[in-house]
Amino acid sequence: MLYDVRTYCCYPGTLKKQLALYGEFGFPVQSRHLGEPHAYMVTETGPVNSYVHIWAYKDAADREAKRQALQADPEWQTYLKKSADAGHLVSQENKLMVPAPFWTPPAR
């Protein structure tokens, strides 16, 4: 199992706007290609104005194939343009992670 852990930071006062934009234009197309996320969370303490989502893949090849299909989808390209035009995002961090040897991911 391969987990893609993505953390995004928004400018103060724009987090709700970014999540609304993504909820309307990004999530439907992204989940259609990637499946349901393992988690989608908003920070309550620590680095506020940020959110994290985690996508699970069988392996790197599965991730690559699904992300290529997503990038080729015109609806996703429309969302990316809307997001860029809105200008809410400050930064993005991606980590590819694998389960620790003693942990078995829950069945999905």
N, C-alpha and C. Protein backbone atom coordinates (compact mmCIF):
# COMPACT_ATOMS: atom_id res chain seq x y z
N MET A 1 0.85 -1.17 0.00
CA MET A 1 0.00 0.00 0.00
C MET A 1 0.90 1.24 0.00
N LEU A 2 0.51 2.23 -0.78
CA LEU A 2 1.23 3.50 -0.86
C LEU A 2 0.25 4.62 -0.54
N TYR A 3 0.63 5.49 0.38
CA TYR A 3 -0.22 6.61 0.77
C TYR A 3 0.38 7.91 0.27
N ASP A 4 -0.45 8.73 -0.36
CA ASP A 4 -0.06 10.05 -0.83
C ASP A 4 -0.67 11.04 0.15
N VAL A 5 0.17 11.61 1.01
CA VAL A 5 -0.27 12.53 2.06
C VAL A 5 0.00 13.95 1.56
N ARG A 6 -1.06 14.72 1.39
CA ARG A 6 -0.95 16.06 0.81
C ARG A 6 -1.42 17.10 1.82
N THR A 7 -0.58 18.09 2.05
CA THR A 7 -0.91 19.18 2.97
C THR A 7 -0.89 20.48 2.19
N TYR A 8 -1.97 21.23 2.29
CA TYR A 8 -2.09 22.52 1.62
C TYR A 8 -2.30 23.60 2.68
N CYS A 9 -1.67 24.74 2.48
CA CYS A 9 -1.83 25.89 3.37
C CYS A 9 -2.45 27.03 2.58
N CYS A 10 -3.46 27.65 3.15
CA CYS A 10 -4.17 28.76 2.50
C CYS A 10 -3.83 30.08 3.19
N TYR A 11 -4.01 31.16 2.46
CA TYR A 11 -3.89 32.48 3.07
C TYR A 11 -4.96 32.63 4.14
N PRO A 12 -4.65 33.36 5.22
CA PRO A 12 -5.65 33.56 6.27
C PRO A 12 -6.97 34.09 5.68
N GLY A 13 -8.06 33.52 6.16
CA GLY A 13 -9.39 33.95 5.72
C GLY A 13 -9.86 33.30 4.42
N THR A 14 -9.07 32.41 3.82
CA THR A 14 -9.48 31.83 2.54
C THR A 14 -9.71 30.33 2.59
N LEU A 15 -9.48 29.70 3.72
CA LEU A 15 -9.60 28.24 3.80
C LEU A 15 -11.01 27.77 3.42
N LYS A 16 -12.03 28.37 3.98
CA LYS A 16 -13.40 27.96 3.67
C LYS A 16 -13.72 28.17 2.19
N LYS A 17 -13.22 29.25 1.62
CA LYS A 17 -13.44 29.50 0.19
C LYS A 17 -12.76 28.44 -0.66
N GLN A 18 -11.53 28.07 -0.29
CA GLN A 18 -10.80 27.05 -1.05
C GLN A 18 -11.50 25.70 -0.96
N LEU A 19 -11.94 25.34 0.24
CA LEU A 19 -12.63 24.06 0.41
C LEU A 19 -13.96 24.04 -0.35
N ALA A 20 -14.66 25.16 -0.38
CA ALA A 20 -15.92 25.24 -1.14
C ALA A 20 -15.64 25.08 -2.64
N LEU A 21 -14.61 25.74 -3.13
CA LEU A 21 -14.23 25.64 -4.54
C LEU A 21 -13.87 24.20 -4.88
N TYR A 22 -13.05 23.59 -4.04
CA TYR A 22 -12.65 22.20 -4.27
C TYR A 22 -13.85 21.26 -4.16
N GLY A 23 -14.69 21.48 -3.16
CA GLY A 23 -15.86 20.62 -2.99
C GLY A 23 -16.78 20.63 -4.19
N GLU A 24 -16.91 21.77 -4.83
CA GLU A 24 -17.79 21.88 -5.99
C GLU A 24 -17.14 21.39 -7.29
N PHE A 25 -15.89 21.77 -7.51
CA PHE A 25 -15.26 21.52 -8.81
C PHE A 25 -14.15 20.47 -8.79
N GLY A 26 -13.48 20.26 -7.66
CA GLY A 26 -12.34 19.36 -7.62
C GLY A 26 -12.67 17.97 -7.12
N PHE A 27 -13.34 17.89 -5.99
CA PHE A 27 -13.58 16.59 -5.36
C PHE A 27 -14.34 15.61 -6.25
N PRO A 28 -15.40 16.03 -6.93
CA PRO A 28 -16.13 15.06 -7.75
C PRO A 28 -15.25 14.39 -8.81
N VAL A 29 -14.46 15.16 -9.51
CA VAL A 29 -13.62 14.58 -10.56
C VAL A 29 -12.43 13.83 -9.97
N GLN A 30 -11.84 14.34 -8.91
CA GLN A 30 -10.69 13.68 -8.32
C GLN A 30 -11.08 12.32 -7.73
N SER A 31 -12.17 12.27 -7.01
CA SER A 31 -12.59 11.00 -6.41
C SER A 31 -13.06 10.02 -7.49
N ARG A 32 -13.54 10.52 -8.60
CA ARG A 32 -13.93 9.64 -9.70
C ARG A 32 -12.71 8.88 -10.24
N HIS A 33 -11.55 9.55 -10.27
CA HIS A 33 -10.33 8.93 -10.79
C HIS A 33 -9.52 8.20 -9.72
N LEU A 34 -9.48 8.76 -8.51
CA LEU A 34 -8.60 8.21 -7.47
C LEU A 34 -9.33 7.33 -6.46
N GLY A 35 -10.65 7.34 -6.48
CA GLY A 35 -11.42 6.65 -5.45
C GLY A 35 -11.61 7.59 -4.27
N GLU A 36 -12.26 7.10 -3.25
CA GLU A 36 -12.47 7.92 -2.06
C GLU A 36 -11.15 8.10 -1.31
N PRO A 37 -10.90 9.29 -0.77
CA PRO A 37 -9.67 9.48 -0.01
C PRO A 37 -9.70 8.66 1.28
N HIS A 38 -8.52 8.32 1.75
CA HIS A 38 -8.38 7.62 3.04
C HIS A 38 -8.80 8.58 4.16
N ALA A 39 -8.48 9.86 3.98
CA ALA A 39 -8.87 10.90 4.94
C ALA A 39 -8.84 12.26 4.25
N TYR A 40 -9.67 13.17 4.74
CA TYR A 40 -9.68 14.56 4.27
C TYR A 40 -9.98 15.40 5.51
N MET A 41 -8.99 16.16 5.98
CA MET A 41 -9.10 16.81 7.28
C MET A 41 -8.66 18.28 7.23
N VAL A 42 -9.24 19.06 8.13
CA VAL A 42 -8.90 20.47 8.29
C VAL A 42 -8.21 20.62 9.65
N THR A 43 -7.14 21.40 9.68
CA THR A 43 -6.38 21.60 10.91
C THR A 43 -7.17 22.45 11.90
N GLU A 44 -7.22 22.01 13.14
CA GLU A 44 -7.85 22.79 14.20
C GLU A 44 -6.81 23.44 15.10
N THR A 45 -5.64 22.81 15.25
CA THR A 45 -4.55 23.40 16.02
C THR A 45 -3.26 23.24 15.22
N GLY A 46 -2.25 23.92 15.64
CA GLY A 46 -0.98 23.86 14.90
C GLY A 46 -1.01 24.83 13.74
N PRO A 47 -0.52 24.40 12.58
CA PRO A 47 -0.51 25.32 11.42
C PRO A 47 -1.93 25.51 10.88
N VAL A 48 -2.61 26.50 11.42
CA VAL A 48 -3.99 26.76 11.01
C VAL A 48 -4.01 27.19 9.54
N ASN A 49 -5.21 27.29 8.98
CA ASN A 49 -5.39 27.64 7.57
C ASN A 49 -4.86 26.55 6.65
N SER A 50 -4.83 25.32 7.13
CA SER A 50 -4.34 24.24 6.29
C SER A 50 -5.28 23.04 6.33
N TYR A 51 -5.13 22.19 5.34
CA TYR A 51 -5.90 20.96 5.28
C TYR A 51 -5.03 19.85 4.72
N VAL A 52 -5.39 18.62 5.05
CA VAL A 52 -4.61 17.45 4.66
C VAL A 52 -5.56 16.44 4.03
N HIS A 53 -5.13 15.85 2.95
CA HIS A 53 -5.89 14.71 2.43
C HIS A 53 -4.92 13.59 2.10
N ILE A 54 -5.42 12.36 2.27
CA ILE A 54 -4.60 11.17 2.10
C ILE A 54 -5.29 10.23 1.14
N TRP A 55 -4.56 9.85 0.10
CA TRP A 55 -5.08 8.93 -0.91
C TRP A 55 -4.29 7.63 -0.82
N ALA A 56 -4.96 6.51 -0.94
CA ALA A 56 -4.31 5.21 -0.85
C ALA A 56 -4.28 4.56 -2.23
N TYR A 57 -3.13 3.97 -2.54
CA TYR A 57 -2.92 3.28 -3.82
C TYR A 57 -2.33 1.90 -3.54
N LYS A 58 -2.53 0.99 -4.49
CA LYS A 58 -1.93 -0.34 -4.35
C LYS A 58 -0.41 -0.25 -4.36
N ASP A 59 0.11 0.59 -5.25
CA ASP A 59 1.55 0.75 -5.40
C ASP A 59 1.82 1.98 -6.26
N ALA A 60 3.09 2.23 -6.57
CA ALA A 60 3.46 3.42 -7.35
C ALA A 60 2.86 3.39 -8.75
N ALA A 61 2.77 2.22 -9.35
CA ALA A 61 2.20 2.11 -10.70
C ALA A 61 0.71 2.46 -10.69
N ASP A 62 -0.01 2.02 -9.67
CA ASP A 62 -1.42 2.35 -9.52
C ASP A 62 -1.60 3.86 -9.37
N ARG A 63 -0.76 4.45 -8.53
CA ARG A 63 -0.82 5.91 -8.33
C ARG A 63 -0.55 6.64 -9.64
N GLU A 64 0.47 6.24 -10.35
CA GLU A 64 0.85 6.90 -11.60
C GLU A 64 -0.28 6.81 -12.62
N ALA A 65 -0.86 5.65 -12.79
CA ALA A 65 -1.94 5.48 -13.77
C ALA A 65 -3.16 6.33 -13.42
N LYS A 66 -3.54 6.33 -12.15
CA LYS A 66 -4.71 7.11 -11.74
C LYS A 66 -4.46 8.60 -11.85
N ARG A 67 -3.27 9.05 -11.47
CA ARG A 67 -2.97 10.49 -11.54
C ARG A 67 -2.85 10.95 -12.99
N GLN A 68 -2.34 10.11 -13.87
CA GLN A 68 -2.28 10.47 -15.29
C GLN A 68 -3.69 10.64 -15.86
N ALA A 69 -4.58 9.73 -15.51
CA ALA A 69 -5.96 9.84 -15.97
C ALA A 69 -6.62 11.11 -15.42
N LEU A 70 -6.35 11.43 -14.17
CA LEU A 70 -6.88 12.65 -13.57
C LEU A 70 -6.37 13.88 -14.31
N GLN A 71 -5.07 13.95 -14.55
CA GLN A 71 -4.49 15.11 -15.22
C GLN A 71 -5.03 15.28 -16.64
N ALA A 72 -5.43 14.19 -17.28
CA ALA A 72 -5.94 14.25 -18.65
C ALA A 72 -7.42 14.66 -18.70
N ASP A 73 -8.08 14.69 -17.56
CA ASP A 73 -9.51 15.00 -17.53
C ASP A 73 -9.73 16.51 -17.63
N PRO A 74 -10.50 16.98 -18.62
CA PRO A 74 -10.75 18.42 -18.76
C PRO A 74 -11.41 19.04 -17.53
N GLU A 75 -12.25 18.27 -16.83
CA GLU A 75 -12.88 18.81 -15.61
C GLU A 75 -11.83 19.13 -14.56
N TRP A 76 -10.80 18.30 -14.44
CA TRP A 76 -9.73 18.55 -13.47
C TRP A 76 -8.94 19.78 -13.88
N GLN A 77 -8.68 19.93 -15.16
CA GLN A 77 -7.96 21.10 -15.64
C GLN A 77 -8.75 22.38 -15.37
N THR A 78 -10.07 22.29 -15.50
CA THR A 78 -10.93 23.44 -15.18
C THR A 78 -10.81 23.79 -13.71
N TYR A 79 -10.85 22.76 -12.85
CA TYR A 79 -10.70 23.02 -11.41
C TYR A 79 -9.35 23.66 -11.11
N LEU A 80 -8.27 23.13 -11.69
CA LEU A 80 -6.94 23.69 -11.42
C LEU A 80 -6.87 25.16 -11.81
N LYS A 81 -7.50 25.52 -12.93
CA LYS A 81 -7.51 26.93 -13.36
C LYS A 81 -8.31 27.78 -12.38
N LYS A 82 -9.47 27.29 -11.98
CA LYS A 82 -10.30 28.04 -11.01
C LYS A 82 -9.54 28.23 -9.70
N SER A 83 -8.85 27.19 -9.25
CA SER A 83 -8.09 27.27 -8.01
C SER A 83 -6.94 28.27 -8.14
N ALA A 84 -6.23 28.21 -9.25
CA ALA A 84 -5.12 29.15 -9.47
C ALA A 84 -5.64 30.58 -9.55
N ASP A 85 -6.74 30.78 -10.26
CA ASP A 85 -7.31 32.13 -10.38
C ASP A 85 -7.78 32.66 -9.03
N ALA A 86 -8.30 31.79 -8.17
CA ALA A 86 -8.76 32.22 -6.84
C ALA A 86 -7.59 32.66 -5.98
N GLY A 87 -6.44 32.01 -6.13
CA GLY A 87 -5.24 32.43 -5.42
C GLY A 87 -5.27 32.22 -3.91
N HIS A 88 -5.99 31.22 -3.44
CA HIS A 88 -6.09 30.98 -2.00
C HIS A 88 -4.89 30.23 -1.42
N LEU A 89 -4.18 29.47 -2.25
CA LEU A 89 -3.14 28.58 -1.74
C LEU A 89 -1.79 29.27 -1.58
N VAL A 90 -1.15 29.03 -0.45
CA VAL A 90 0.19 29.52 -0.17
C VAL A 90 1.23 28.46 -0.50
N SER A 91 0.94 27.20 -0.08
CA SER A 91 1.92 26.14 -0.28
C SER A 91 1.25 24.78 -0.35
N GLN A 92 2.02 23.82 -0.86
CA GLN A 92 1.58 22.43 -0.95
C GLN A 92 2.77 21.55 -0.62
N GLU A 93 2.52 20.49 0.17
CA GLU A 93 3.55 19.52 0.49
C GLU A 93 2.98 18.13 0.24
N ASN A 94 3.71 17.30 -0.48
CA ASN A 94 3.29 15.93 -0.75
C ASN A 94 4.32 14.98 -0.16
N LYS A 95 3.83 13.93 0.48
CA LYS A 95 4.69 12.87 0.99
C LYS A 95 4.11 11.54 0.53
N LEU A 96 4.94 10.69 -0.04
CA LEU A 96 4.54 9.33 -0.35
C LEU A 96 5.03 8.46 0.80
N MET A 97 4.10 7.73 1.42
CA MET A 97 4.42 6.97 2.62
C MET A 97 3.90 5.55 2.50
N VAL A 98 4.56 4.64 3.20
CA VAL A 98 4.14 3.23 3.26
C VAL A 98 3.86 2.88 4.72
N PRO A 99 3.02 1.88 4.95
CA PRO A 99 2.70 1.49 6.33
C PRO A 99 3.93 0.98 7.07
N ALA A 100 3.98 1.25 8.36
CA ALA A 100 5.01 0.67 9.22
C ALA A 100 4.84 -0.85 9.22
N PRO A 101 5.92 -1.60 9.43
CA PRO A 101 5.83 -3.06 9.32
C PRO A 101 4.87 -3.72 10.30
N PHE A 102 4.53 -3.09 11.40
CA PHE A 102 3.65 -3.71 12.40
C PHE A 102 2.19 -3.30 12.24
N TRP A 103 1.87 -2.45 11.25
CA TRP A 103 0.50 -1.94 11.08
C TRP A 103 -0.11 -2.50 9.81
N THR A 104 -1.33 -2.99 9.93
CA THR A 104 -2.08 -3.44 8.77
C THR A 104 -3.19 -2.44 8.51
N PRO A 105 -3.20 -1.81 7.33
CA PRO A 105 -4.26 -0.84 7.03
C PRO A 105 -5.64 -1.49 7.08
N PRO A 106 -6.64 -0.76 7.53
CA PRO A 106 -7.99 -1.32 7.57
C PRO A 106 -8.47 -1.64 6.14
N ALA A 107 -9.30 -2.64 6.01
CA ALA A 107 -9.87 -3.00 4.70
C ALA A 107 -10.75 -1.86 4.22
N ARG A 108 -10.70 -1.61 2.94
CA ARG A 108 -11.51 -0.53 2.37
C ARG A 108 -12.61 -1.09 1.52
